[in-house]
N, C-alpha and C. Protein backbone atom coordinates (compact mmCIF):
# COMPACT_ATOMS: atom_id res chain seq x y z
N MET A 1 -11.64 11.49 4.78
CA MET A 1 -11.15 10.89 3.47
C MET A 1 -11.52 11.30 2.62
N GLY A 2 -10.44 11.16 1.78
CA GLY A 2 -11.18 12.16 0.20
C GLY A 2 -11.47 11.60 -0.68
N LYS A 3 -10.93 12.30 -1.86
CA LYS A 3 -11.55 11.45 -3.23
C LYS A 3 -10.56 9.90 -3.59
N LYS A 4 -11.24 9.05 -4.44
CA LYS A 4 -10.09 8.25 -4.87
C LYS A 4 -9.74 9.10 -5.86
N VAL A 5 -8.41 8.10 -5.97
CA VAL A 5 -7.13 8.38 -7.28
C VAL A 5 -7.28 7.51 -7.90
N THR A 6 -7.59 7.48 -9.39
CA THR A 6 -7.13 6.65 -10.19
C THR A 6 -5.72 6.55 -11.09
N LEU A 7 -5.50 5.25 -10.86
CA LEU A 7 -3.82 5.22 -11.89
C LEU A 7 -3.98 4.49 -13.56
N LYS A 8 -3.39 5.62 -14.62
CA LYS A 8 -4.05 5.27 -15.73
C LYS A 8 -2.73 3.97 -15.88
N PRO A 9 -3.04 3.07 -16.64
CA PRO A 9 -2.72 1.93 -16.86
C PRO A 9 -1.33 2.28 -18.08
N ASN A 10 -0.14 1.07 -17.60
CA ASN A 10 1.45 1.28 -18.25
C ASN A 10 1.37 0.66 -19.40
N LYS A 11 1.35 -0.43 -19.34
CA LYS A 11 1.32 -0.83 -20.66
C LYS A 11 -0.65 -1.89 -21.11
N PRO A 12 -0.45 -1.79 -22.72
CA PRO A 12 -1.63 -2.31 -23.22
C PRO A 12 -2.18 -3.52 -22.62
N GLY A 13 -3.67 -3.94 -22.07
CA GLY A 13 -4.37 -4.55 -21.32
C GLY A 13 -4.88 -4.82 -19.87
N GLN A 14 -3.71 -3.47 -19.87
CA GLN A 14 -3.55 -3.54 -17.86
C GLN A 14 -5.19 -2.52 -17.48
N LYS A 15 -5.87 -3.29 -16.90
CA LYS A 15 -6.71 -2.00 -16.23
C LYS A 15 -6.24 -1.02 -15.40
N LYS A 16 -7.20 -0.10 -15.11
CA LYS A 16 -7.31 1.55 -14.66
C LYS A 16 -7.48 0.99 -12.90
N ILE A 17 -6.49 1.80 -12.29
CA ILE A 17 -6.98 1.25 -10.39
C ILE A 17 -7.24 2.31 -9.48
N ALA A 18 -8.33 1.98 -8.90
CA ALA A 18 -9.26 2.90 -8.01
C ALA A 18 -8.78 3.15 -7.01
N PHE A 19 -8.13 4.08 -5.51
CA PHE A 19 -8.09 3.84 -4.65
C PHE A 19 -8.15 4.66 -4.24
N GLN A 20 -8.19 4.82 -2.49
CA GLN A 20 -7.99 5.74 -2.16
C GLN A 20 -7.25 6.34 -1.15
N PRO A 21 -6.98 7.37 -1.12
CA PRO A 21 -4.82 7.68 -0.58
C PRO A 21 -5.69 7.89 1.44
N GLY A 22 -4.94 7.55 1.64
CA GLY A 22 -4.92 6.87 3.30
C GLY A 22 -5.87 6.11 3.97
N GLY A 23 -6.51 5.36 2.87
CA GLY A 23 -6.66 4.07 3.93
C GLY A 23 -6.06 3.38 4.72
N LEU A 24 -4.66 3.24 4.34
CA LEU A 24 -3.72 2.54 5.20
C LEU A 24 -3.23 3.13 6.36
N HIS A 25 -3.07 4.57 6.60
CA HIS A 25 -3.29 5.54 7.51
C HIS A 25 -4.69 5.17 8.61
N GLU A 26 -5.67 4.83 7.84
CA GLU A 26 -6.77 4.56 8.84
C GLU A 26 -6.90 3.62 9.40
N SER A 27 -6.90 2.57 8.66
CA SER A 27 -6.22 1.28 8.62
C SER A 27 -5.63 0.68 9.59
N THR A 28 -4.17 0.93 9.87
CA THR A 28 -3.69 1.45 11.01
C THR A 28 -3.54 2.41 12.50
N GLY A 29 -4.34 2.97 12.42
CA GLY A 29 -4.83 4.27 13.26
C GLY A 29 -4.22 5.13 13.54
N THR A 30 -2.99 5.49 12.37
CA THR A 30 -1.93 6.56 12.58
C THR A 30 -2.83 7.77 11.65
N ALA A 31 -2.24 9.30 12.03
CA ALA A 31 -3.16 9.90 11.68
C ALA A 31 -2.31 10.34 10.19
N THR A 32 -2.99 11.37 9.48
CA THR A 32 -2.22 11.24 8.78
C THR A 32 -1.31 12.05 8.38
N ASP A 33 -1.41 13.39 8.86
CA ASP A 33 -0.43 13.82 8.16
C ASP A 33 1.51 13.36 9.56
N LYS A 34 1.61 11.28 9.98
CA LYS A 34 2.31 11.46 10.41
C LYS A 34 3.03 10.09 9.48
N LYS A 35 4.24 9.76 9.89
CA LYS A 35 4.23 8.77 9.03
C LYS A 35 3.74 6.83 9.74
N ILE A 36 3.57 6.18 8.77
CA ILE A 36 3.08 4.91 9.88
C ILE A 36 4.80 4.00 9.86
N PRO A 37 4.25 4.39 11.67
CA PRO A 37 6.22 3.04 12.39
C PRO A 37 5.73 1.88 11.15
N ALA A 38 7.20 1.43 11.60
CA ALA A 38 7.56 0.27 10.79
C ALA A 38 6.48 -1.35 11.19
N SER A 39 6.59 -0.64 12.46
CA SER A 39 6.25 -1.78 13.59
C SER A 39 4.71 -2.28 12.37
N LYS A 40 4.07 -1.19 12.77
CA LYS A 40 2.47 -1.07 12.51
C LYS A 40 2.32 -1.90 10.57
N HIS A 41 3.63 -1.48 9.76
CA HIS A 41 3.66 -1.62 8.43
C HIS A 41 3.48 -3.22 8.90
N LYS A 42 4.17 -3.63 9.60
CA LYS A 42 4.98 -5.35 9.60
C LYS A 42 3.57 -6.21 9.89
N ALA A 43 2.72 -5.30 11.33
CA ALA A 43 1.60 -6.59 11.54
C ALA A 43 0.62 -5.91 10.25
N ALA A 44 0.29 -4.76 10.02
CA ALA A 44 -1.01 -4.65 8.24
C ALA A 44 -0.31 -5.71 7.29
N ARG A 45 1.03 -5.92 7.00
CA ARG A 45 1.56 -6.62 6.30
C ARG A 45 1.50 -8.23 6.23
N SER A 46 1.42 -8.50 7.77
CA SER A 46 1.17 -9.79 8.47
C SER A 46 -0.16 -10.61 8.39
N GLY A 47 -1.41 -9.18 8.39
CA GLY A 47 -2.54 -9.54 8.75
C GLY A 47 -3.12 -9.30 9.98
N LYS A 48 -1.99 -8.98 10.92
CA LYS A 48 -2.85 -8.97 11.87
C LYS A 48 -3.87 -7.93 12.32
N LEU A 49 -3.83 -6.62 11.64
CA LEU A 49 -4.82 -5.81 11.57
C LEU A 49 -6.02 -5.58 10.63
N GLY A 50 -6.32 -7.10 10.09
CA GLY A 50 -7.53 -7.48 9.08
C GLY A 50 -6.79 -7.47 7.81
N PRO A 51 -7.63 -7.95 7.43
CA PRO A 51 -7.34 -8.32 5.65
C PRO A 51 -7.66 -7.05 4.65
N LYS A 52 -8.30 -6.17 5.09
CA LYS A 52 -8.21 -5.09 4.79
C LYS A 52 -6.68 -4.18 4.87
N ALA A 53 -6.28 -4.40 5.99
CA ALA A 53 -5.26 -3.72 6.11
C ALA A 53 -4.08 -4.24 5.41
N ARG A 54 -4.20 -5.63 5.45
CA ARG A 54 -2.89 -6.45 4.40
C ARG A 54 -3.61 -6.22 3.09
N LYS A 55 -3.84 -5.80 2.83
CA LYS A 55 -4.42 -5.99 0.84
C LYS A 55 -3.97 -4.13 0.58
N GLN A 56 -4.14 -3.84 1.21
CA GLN A 56 -3.43 -2.14 1.25
C GLN A 56 -2.63 -1.87 1.63
N GLU A 57 -1.52 -2.79 2.85
CA GLU A 57 0.02 -3.05 2.51
C GLU A 57 0.50 -3.22 1.51
N LEU A 58 0.03 -4.67 1.15
CA LEU A 58 0.36 -5.67 -0.60
C LEU A 58 0.14 -4.29 -1.76
N PHE A 59 -0.87 -4.26 -1.42
CA PHE A 59 -0.53 -1.99 -2.77
C PHE A 59 0.26 -1.39 -2.51
N LEU A 60 0.34 -0.89 -1.35
CA LEU A 60 1.51 0.26 -1.13
C LEU A 60 3.00 -0.70 -1.76
N GLU A 61 2.99 -1.80 -1.22
CA GLU A 61 4.68 -2.55 -1.56
C GLU A 61 4.59 -2.75 -3.30
N ASN A 62 3.41 -2.86 -3.74
CA ASN A 62 3.42 -3.80 -5.73
C ASN A 62 3.15 -3.07 -6.14
N VAL A 63 2.85 -1.39 -5.79
CA VAL A 63 1.94 -0.80 -6.79
C VAL A 63 2.56 0.81 -7.03
N LEU A 64 2.65 0.95 -5.84
CA LEU A 64 2.76 2.35 -5.52
C LEU A 64 4.22 2.12 -5.41
N VAL A 65 4.71 1.89 -4.12
CA VAL A 65 6.11 1.86 -4.54
C VAL A 65 6.69 0.94 -5.74
N GLY A 66 6.27 0.16 -5.39
CA GLY A 66 7.49 -1.11 -6.54
C GLY A 66 8.43 -1.59 -5.53
N LYS A 67 8.41 -2.47 -6.01
CA LYS A 67 9.46 -3.69 -5.09
C LYS A 67 10.95 -4.01 -5.95
N LYS A 68 12.04 -3.41 -5.11
CA LYS A 68 13.20 -3.74 -5.45
C LYS A 68 13.70 -4.65 -6.09
N PRO A 69 14.26 -5.45 -7.10
CA PRO A 69 14.61 -6.59 -7.41
C PRO A 69 16.09 -6.84 -6.79
N LYS A 70 15.74 -8.00 -6.13
CA LYS A 70 17.49 -8.45 -5.18
C LYS A 70 18.20 -8.90 -5.96
N LYS A 71 18.95 -8.13 -4.94
CA LYS A 71 20.45 -8.11 -5.87
C LYS A 71 21.02 -9.83 -5.58
N LYS A 72 21.85 -10.65 -6.45
CA LYS A 72 22.91 -11.53 -5.91
C LYS A 72 24.06 -11.11 -5.34
N GLY A 73 23.95 -12.17 -3.40
CA GLY A 73 25.32 -11.55 -3.16
C GLY A 73 26.32 -12.31 -3.76
N LYS A 74 27.47 -12.32 -3.01
CA LYS A 74 28.60 -12.63 -3.24
C LYS A 74 28.64 -13.90 -2.09
């Protein structure tokens, strides 16, 4: 595992966020040079791979990638 990375705050009042890249790969048992399969993302999100993997998956979704707003369908 490498060094911790720190994200600077975007807005006033936000805190710095420190994390270790590759943590989700380690928790899911995927090699760092491979893409994590959707099935393992789903298992991590549901908590089947443990609470740490669930937190890492939610961090990936909400902070690193960001959720896209849902469009109202017709």
